[in-house]
N, C-alpha and C. Protein backbone atom coordinates (compact mmCIF):
# COMPACT_ATOMS: atom_id res chain seq x y z
N MET A 1 60.11 194.20 -38.73
CA MET A 1 59.96 194.47 -37.31
C MET A 1 58.99 193.46 -36.72
N ASP A 2 59.33 193.00 -35.54
CA ASP A 2 58.53 191.98 -34.85
C ASP A 2 57.39 192.65 -34.09
N VAL A 3 56.15 192.27 -34.40
CA VAL A 3 54.97 192.81 -33.72
C VAL A 3 54.34 191.70 -32.88
N LYS A 4 54.26 191.93 -31.57
CA LYS A 4 53.63 190.97 -30.67
C LYS A 4 52.35 191.59 -30.12
N ILE A 5 51.25 190.86 -30.25
CA ILE A 5 49.95 191.36 -29.80
C ILE A 5 49.42 190.41 -28.73
N GLN A 6 48.97 191.00 -27.64
CA GLN A 6 48.42 190.22 -26.54
C GLN A 6 47.09 190.86 -26.15
N SER A 7 46.07 190.03 -25.94
CA SER A 7 44.76 190.54 -25.51
C SER A 7 44.45 189.99 -24.13
N LEU A 8 44.08 190.88 -23.23
CA LEU A 8 43.77 190.49 -21.86
C LEU A 8 42.28 190.64 -21.60
N LYS A 9 41.71 189.66 -20.95
CA LYS A 9 40.30 189.66 -20.54
C LYS A 9 39.32 189.55 -21.71
N PHE A 10 39.80 189.22 -22.91
CA PHE A 10 38.93 188.98 -24.06
C PHE A 10 39.76 188.30 -25.15
N ASP A 11 39.06 187.74 -26.14
CA ASP A 11 39.72 187.15 -27.29
C ASP A 11 39.64 188.12 -28.46
N ALA A 12 40.79 188.55 -28.95
CA ALA A 12 40.83 189.51 -30.06
C ALA A 12 40.42 188.81 -31.36
N SER A 13 39.61 189.50 -32.13
CA SER A 13 39.19 188.96 -33.43
C SER A 13 40.36 189.02 -34.41
N LYS A 14 40.28 188.21 -35.44
CA LYS A 14 41.31 188.21 -36.48
C LYS A 14 41.39 189.58 -37.14
N GLN A 15 40.24 190.20 -37.33
CA GLN A 15 40.17 191.53 -37.95
C GLN A 15 40.91 192.57 -37.10
N LEU A 16 40.73 192.53 -35.79
CA LEU A 16 41.40 193.46 -34.89
C LEU A 16 42.91 193.23 -34.90
N ILE A 17 43.33 191.97 -34.89
CA ILE A 17 44.76 191.66 -34.92
C ILE A 17 45.39 192.16 -36.22
N GLU A 18 44.72 191.97 -37.34
CA GLU A 18 45.24 192.45 -38.62
C GLU A 18 45.32 193.97 -38.64
N PHE A 19 44.32 194.64 -38.05
CA PHE A 19 44.32 196.10 -37.98
C PHE A 19 45.54 196.59 -37.20
N VAL A 20 45.79 195.99 -36.04
CA VAL A 20 46.91 196.40 -35.19
C VAL A 20 48.24 196.15 -35.91
N GLU A 21 48.39 194.98 -36.54
CA GLU A 21 49.63 194.68 -37.26
C GLU A 21 49.88 195.68 -38.38
N LYS A 22 48.83 196.03 -39.11
CA LYS A 22 48.97 196.99 -40.20
C LYS A 22 49.41 198.36 -39.67
N LYS A 23 48.78 198.80 -38.59
CA LYS A 23 49.11 200.10 -38.02
C LYS A 23 50.54 200.12 -37.48
N MET A 24 50.93 199.08 -36.78
CA MET A 24 52.25 199.05 -36.16
C MET A 24 53.37 198.91 -37.21
N SER A 25 53.06 198.29 -38.34
CA SER A 25 54.08 198.17 -39.39
C SER A 25 54.45 199.55 -39.96
N ARG A 26 53.56 200.52 -39.81
CA ARG A 26 53.85 201.88 -40.28
C ARG A 26 54.94 202.55 -39.46
N LEU A 27 55.16 202.08 -38.25
CA LEU A 27 56.19 202.68 -37.40
C LEU A 27 57.59 202.52 -37.98
N GLU A 28 57.77 201.51 -38.83
CA GLU A 28 59.09 201.29 -39.43
C GLU A 28 59.55 202.50 -40.24
N ARG A 29 58.61 203.25 -40.80
CA ARG A 29 58.96 204.44 -41.57
C ARG A 29 59.56 205.52 -40.68
N PHE A 30 59.12 205.57 -39.43
CA PHE A 30 59.57 206.62 -38.51
C PHE A 30 60.78 206.19 -37.69
N ALA A 31 60.83 204.92 -37.32
CA ALA A 31 61.93 204.40 -36.52
C ALA A 31 62.53 203.20 -37.24
N ASP A 32 63.45 203.47 -38.15
CA ASP A 32 64.02 202.40 -38.95
C ASP A 32 64.93 201.48 -38.13
N ASN A 33 65.33 201.92 -36.93
CA ASN A 33 66.19 201.10 -36.08
C ASN A 33 65.39 200.33 -35.03
N ALA A 34 64.07 200.35 -35.11
CA ALA A 34 63.23 199.65 -34.13
C ALA A 34 63.41 198.14 -34.26
N THR A 35 63.48 197.48 -33.11
CA THR A 35 63.66 196.02 -33.13
C THR A 35 62.34 195.29 -32.99
N GLY A 36 61.33 195.95 -32.43
CA GLY A 36 60.03 195.29 -32.28
C GLY A 36 59.05 196.18 -31.54
N VAL A 37 57.82 195.74 -31.53
CA VAL A 37 56.77 196.47 -30.82
C VAL A 37 55.85 195.47 -30.14
N ASP A 38 55.51 195.76 -28.89
CA ASP A 38 54.56 194.94 -28.13
C ASP A 38 53.28 195.74 -27.96
N VAL A 39 52.15 195.10 -28.24
CA VAL A 39 50.85 195.75 -28.09
C VAL A 39 50.01 194.89 -27.14
N VAL A 40 49.54 195.49 -26.07
CA VAL A 40 48.67 194.80 -25.13
C VAL A 40 47.30 195.49 -25.19
N LEU A 41 46.29 194.72 -25.55
CA LEU A 41 44.92 195.23 -25.60
C LEU A 41 44.18 194.65 -24.41
N ARG A 42 43.49 195.50 -23.66
CA ARG A 42 42.76 194.98 -22.52
C ARG A 42 41.46 195.74 -22.29
N LEU A 43 40.53 195.03 -21.68
CA LEU A 43 39.25 195.61 -21.29
C LEU A 43 39.34 196.00 -19.82
N GLU A 44 38.77 197.15 -19.48
CA GLU A 44 38.70 197.56 -18.09
C GLU A 44 37.27 197.89 -17.75
N LYS A 45 37.03 198.11 -16.48
CA LYS A 45 35.69 198.50 -16.08
C LYS A 45 35.36 199.82 -16.76
N ASP A 46 34.11 199.94 -17.18
CA ASP A 46 33.70 201.10 -17.97
C ASP A 46 33.90 202.39 -17.20
N ASP A 47 34.48 203.37 -17.88
CA ASP A 47 34.60 204.71 -17.32
C ASP A 47 34.28 205.71 -18.41
N GLU A 48 34.37 206.99 -18.11
CA GLU A 48 33.94 208.01 -19.07
C GLU A 48 34.75 208.02 -20.36
N LYS A 49 36.04 207.76 -20.27
CA LYS A 49 36.89 207.80 -21.46
C LYS A 49 36.73 206.57 -22.35
N GLY A 50 36.21 205.50 -21.80
CA GLY A 50 36.09 204.25 -22.55
C GLY A 50 36.77 203.13 -21.79
N ASN A 51 36.40 201.92 -22.11
CA ASN A 51 36.96 200.78 -21.38
C ASN A 51 37.94 199.97 -22.20
N LYS A 52 38.31 200.43 -23.38
CA LYS A 52 39.28 199.74 -24.23
C LYS A 52 40.64 200.42 -24.05
N VAL A 53 41.65 199.64 -23.72
CA VAL A 53 42.98 200.19 -23.45
C VAL A 53 43.99 199.53 -24.38
N ALA A 54 44.84 200.36 -24.99
CA ALA A 54 45.94 199.88 -25.83
C ALA A 54 47.25 200.34 -25.20
N LEU A 55 48.08 199.39 -24.84
CA LEU A 55 49.40 199.68 -24.27
C LEU A 55 50.43 199.29 -25.33
N VAL A 56 51.18 200.27 -25.82
CA VAL A 56 52.13 200.05 -26.91
C VAL A 56 53.54 200.32 -26.40
N THR A 57 54.44 199.36 -26.62
CA THR A 57 55.85 199.51 -26.26
C THR A 57 56.68 199.29 -27.52
N LEU A 58 57.37 200.35 -27.95
CA LEU A 58 58.25 200.28 -29.11
C LEU A 58 59.68 200.10 -28.62
N HIS A 59 60.32 199.03 -29.07
CA HIS A 59 61.69 198.74 -28.65
C HIS A 59 62.67 199.33 -29.65
N ILE A 60 63.43 200.32 -29.19
CA ILE A 60 64.45 200.94 -30.04
C ILE A 60 65.72 201.12 -29.21
N PRO A 61 66.87 201.14 -29.87
CA PRO A 61 68.12 201.37 -29.14
C PRO A 61 68.06 202.71 -28.42
N GLY A 62 68.56 202.74 -27.20
CA GLY A 62 68.54 203.97 -26.42
C GLY A 62 67.36 204.05 -25.47
N GLY A 63 66.47 203.08 -25.50
CA GLY A 63 65.34 203.05 -24.58
C GLY A 63 64.02 202.86 -25.29
N ASP A 64 63.13 202.16 -24.62
CA ASP A 64 61.81 201.89 -25.20
C ASP A 64 60.91 203.11 -25.10
N ILE A 65 59.96 203.18 -26.02
CA ILE A 65 58.91 204.20 -25.98
C ILE A 65 57.63 203.49 -25.58
N LEU A 66 56.98 203.99 -24.55
CA LEU A 66 55.80 203.34 -23.98
C LEU A 66 54.65 204.33 -23.91
N THR A 67 53.46 203.89 -24.30
CA THR A 67 52.27 204.72 -24.15
C THR A 67 51.06 203.84 -23.87
N GLU A 68 50.12 204.39 -23.14
CA GLU A 68 48.86 203.71 -22.84
C GLU A 68 47.73 204.66 -23.17
N GLN A 69 46.81 204.22 -24.03
CA GLN A 69 45.71 205.06 -24.45
C GLN A 69 44.37 204.36 -24.22
N ARG A 70 43.36 205.13 -23.83
CA ARG A 70 42.01 204.61 -23.62
C ARG A 70 41.07 205.22 -24.64
N ALA A 71 40.09 204.42 -25.05
CA ALA A 71 39.08 204.91 -25.99
C ALA A 71 37.86 204.00 -25.92
N ARG A 72 36.84 204.34 -26.68
CA ARG A 72 35.62 203.54 -26.70
C ARG A 72 35.77 202.30 -27.59
N THR A 73 36.73 202.34 -28.54
CA THR A 73 37.01 201.17 -29.36
C THR A 73 38.52 200.91 -29.36
N PHE A 74 38.90 199.68 -29.62
CA PHE A 74 40.32 199.36 -29.68
C PHE A 74 41.00 200.07 -30.84
N GLU A 75 40.28 200.22 -31.95
CA GLU A 75 40.86 200.89 -33.11
C GLU A 75 41.25 202.33 -32.78
N GLU A 76 40.35 203.04 -32.08
CA GLU A 76 40.65 204.42 -31.67
C GLU A 76 41.85 204.44 -30.73
N ALA A 77 41.88 203.55 -29.77
CA ALA A 77 42.98 203.51 -28.80
C ALA A 77 44.31 203.24 -29.50
N VAL A 78 44.32 202.32 -30.47
CA VAL A 78 45.55 202.01 -31.20
C VAL A 78 45.98 203.20 -32.04
N ASP A 79 45.04 203.87 -32.70
CA ASP A 79 45.37 205.06 -33.49
C ASP A 79 45.98 206.16 -32.62
N GLU A 80 45.38 206.40 -31.46
CA GLU A 80 45.90 207.43 -30.55
C GLU A 80 47.29 207.05 -30.05
N ALA A 81 47.48 205.79 -29.71
CA ALA A 81 48.79 205.33 -29.24
C ALA A 81 49.85 205.48 -30.34
N LEU A 82 49.47 205.18 -31.56
CA LEU A 82 50.39 205.32 -32.68
C LEU A 82 50.82 206.77 -32.85
N ASP A 83 49.88 207.70 -32.72
CA ASP A 83 50.21 209.13 -32.83
C ASP A 83 51.18 209.56 -31.73
N VAL A 84 50.95 209.08 -30.52
CA VAL A 84 51.83 209.43 -29.39
C VAL A 84 53.24 208.89 -29.63
N VAL A 85 53.33 207.65 -30.09
CA VAL A 85 54.64 207.04 -30.34
C VAL A 85 55.37 207.81 -31.44
N LYS A 86 54.66 208.19 -32.49
CA LYS A 86 55.29 208.97 -33.57
C LYS A 86 55.86 210.28 -33.03
N ARG A 87 55.10 210.97 -32.18
CA ARG A 87 55.58 212.24 -31.60
C ARG A 87 56.82 212.00 -30.73
N GLN A 88 56.82 210.90 -29.96
CA GLN A 88 57.98 210.59 -29.13
C GLN A 88 59.22 210.31 -29.98
N ILE A 89 59.03 209.61 -31.10
CA ILE A 89 60.15 209.33 -32.02
C ILE A 89 60.71 210.64 -32.55
N GLU A 90 59.82 211.54 -32.97
CA GLU A 90 60.26 212.84 -33.50
C GLU A 90 61.02 213.63 -32.43
N LYS A 91 60.57 213.60 -31.19
CA LYS A 91 61.27 214.30 -30.11
C LYS A 91 62.67 213.75 -29.93
N ARG A 92 62.81 212.44 -30.00
CA ARG A 92 64.14 211.83 -29.83
C ARG A 92 65.07 212.19 -30.99
N LYS A 93 64.51 212.27 -32.19
CA LYS A 93 65.34 212.62 -33.35
C LYS A 93 65.81 214.06 -33.27
N ASP A 94 64.99 214.93 -32.67
CA ASP A 94 65.35 216.34 -32.55
C ASP A 94 66.47 216.59 -31.54
N LYS A 95 66.64 215.66 -30.58
CA LYS A 95 67.65 215.85 -29.53
C LYS A 95 69.06 215.64 -30.06
């Protein structure tokens, strides 16, 4: 599966990029027909939930799955986004 990572308003460290790639590769177990995933990491003005945002778009036949999660760290935001995408995949399989 093709994983594309983009960082806005900051330069992502190699460690963060490897973390995101590792997490997103796990999606193949849940969506074996996925063609790719786009991850956009961006910094926003500080608010109560956190200023780190992870926008994840999973490309699968029948329509993309999109989620945006905020947290205090990018790792937390990516983990939360991954959980949401997994739940969306399960909902589609149940239909």
